[in-house]
Amino acid sequence: MTGLPASPPPSSAQPPSPAPAGEGAAGRLGPTHTLILLSTFLTLGTALFLKGTPIGDILLLLGGCGAVGAATLTAAGGGRRLMAVLVEAAVRSGAGK
């Protein structure tokens, strides 16, 4: 015996309770996240433009960042919802709407 107190008995394992209906799951892209990303892109594009970067390069860079973000969300979330949005946007743009 080392004189240490005995560890407490293990408690019964209870599954975590689901989040309330009004709250989204952690990690979801919400309106606040979207606003932050939008303002970041606008700020970055403006800063690059003021430094003399051609507009075509700025649009290419920001488009690449958006593509990487979309691919990350697709991979992390299973991608069904995002892919549905992207396919709908492609179909609408192809139809001229």
Protein backbone atom coordinates (compact mmCIF):
# COMPACT_ATOMS: atom_id res chain seq x y z
CA MET A 1 0.00 0.00 0.00
CA THR A 2 1.25 3.42 -0.91
CA GLY A 3 -1.16 5.39 1.24
CA LEU A 4 -2.94 6.88 -1.76
CA PRO A 5 -6.72 7.14 -1.61
CA ALA A 6 -8.67 4.59 -3.58
CA SER A 7 -9.96 5.71 -6.96
CA PRO A 8 -13.71 6.31 -7.17
CA PRO A 9 -15.80 3.55 -8.67
CA PRO A 10 -16.43 3.92 -12.40
CA SER A 11 -19.69 5.69 -13.16
CA SER A 12 -22.20 4.31 -15.58
CA ALA A 13 -21.45 5.56 -19.07
CA GLN A 14 -24.21 7.76 -20.41
CA PRO A 15 -24.27 8.90 -24.02
CA PRO A 16 -24.05 12.66 -24.51
CA SER A 17 -27.40 14.34 -24.86
CA PRO A 18 -28.19 15.82 -28.27
CA ALA A 19 -27.92 19.56 -28.81
CA PRO A 20 -31.14 21.54 -28.36
CA ALA A 21 -33.19 22.07 -31.51
CA GLY A 22 -32.24 25.75 -31.81
CA GLU A 23 -28.49 25.15 -31.73
CA GLY A 24 -26.46 23.83 -34.65
CA ALA A 25 -23.79 21.24 -34.24
CA ALA A 26 -20.28 22.48 -33.61
CA GLY A 27 -18.33 22.73 -36.83
CA ARG A 28 -21.26 23.72 -39.03
CA LEU A 29 -20.85 26.68 -41.35
CA GLY A 30 -23.32 29.24 -40.07
CA PRO A 31 -24.20 32.81 -41.02
CA THR A 32 -21.56 34.25 -38.71
CA HIS A 33 -18.83 32.11 -40.24
CA THR A 34 -19.98 33.04 -43.72
CA LEU A 35 -19.89 36.76 -42.89
CA ILE A 36 -16.37 36.44 -41.47
CA LEU A 37 -15.16 34.58 -44.56
CA LEU A 38 -16.79 37.10 -46.89
CA SER A 39 -15.25 40.08 -45.11
CA THR A 40 -11.85 38.33 -45.07
CA PHE A 41 -12.01 37.70 -48.83
CA LEU A 42 -13.06 41.30 -49.50
CA THR A 43 -10.27 42.64 -47.31
CA LEU A 44 -7.66 40.38 -48.90
CA GLY A 45 -8.79 41.27 -52.42
CA THR A 46 -8.77 44.99 -51.64
CA ALA A 47 -5.31 44.83 -50.05
CA LEU A 48 -3.89 42.95 -53.04
CA PHE A 49 -5.48 45.44 -55.45
CA LEU A 50 -4.03 48.39 -53.54
CA LYS A 51 -0.58 46.76 -53.71
CA GLY A 52 -0.85 46.65 -57.50
CA THR A 53 -1.78 43.02 -58.12
CA PRO A 54 -3.70 42.55 -61.39
CA ILE A 55 -7.41 41.85 -60.90
CA GLY A 56 -7.21 38.58 -62.86
CA ASP A 57 -4.59 37.24 -60.43
CA ILE A 58 -6.68 38.32 -57.42
CA LEU A 59 -9.77 36.55 -58.76
CA LEU A 60 -7.72 33.43 -59.54
CA LEU A 61 -6.26 33.40 -56.02
CA LEU A 62 -9.60 33.95 -54.28
CA GLY A 63 -11.29 31.38 -56.54
CA GLY A 64 -8.62 28.85 -55.62
CA CYS A 65 -9.13 29.59 -51.93
CA GLY A 66 -12.87 29.09 -52.35
CA ALA A 67 -12.31 25.79 -54.17
CA VAL A 68 -10.03 24.53 -51.40
CA GLY A 69 -12.61 25.55 -48.78
CA ALA A 70 -15.42 23.83 -50.67
CA ALA A 71 -13.35 20.66 -51.05
CA THR A 72 -12.54 20.71 -47.34
CA LEU A 73 -16.20 21.10 -46.37
CA THR A 74 -17.13 18.33 -48.78
CA ALA A 75 -14.55 15.95 -47.34
CA ALA A 76 -15.38 16.80 -43.72
CA GLY A 77 -19.15 16.70 -43.96
CA GLY A 78 -19.72 13.79 -46.26
CA GLY A 79 -20.47 16.26 -49.02
CA ARG A 80 -24.10 15.49 -49.84
CA ARG A 81 -25.49 18.90 -48.99
CA LEU A 82 -22.62 20.88 -50.52
CA MET A 83 -22.58 18.78 -53.66
CA ALA A 84 -26.32 19.28 -54.05
CA VAL A 85 -25.85 23.06 -53.83
CA LEU A 86 -22.97 23.01 -56.33
CA VAL A 87 -24.86 20.82 -58.80
CA GLU A 88 -27.93 23.06 -58.51
CA ALA A 89 -25.80 26.15 -59.15
CA ALA A 90 -24.19 24.49 -62.18
CA VAL A 91 -27.55 23.48 -63.60
CA ARG A 92 -28.99 26.97 -63.09
CA SER A 93 -25.98 28.63 -64.70
CA GLY A 94 -26.19 26.21 -67.62
CA ALA A 95 -29.88 27.01 -68.05
CA GLY A 96 -29.14 30.75 -68.06
CA LYS A 97 -31.06 31.56 -64.86
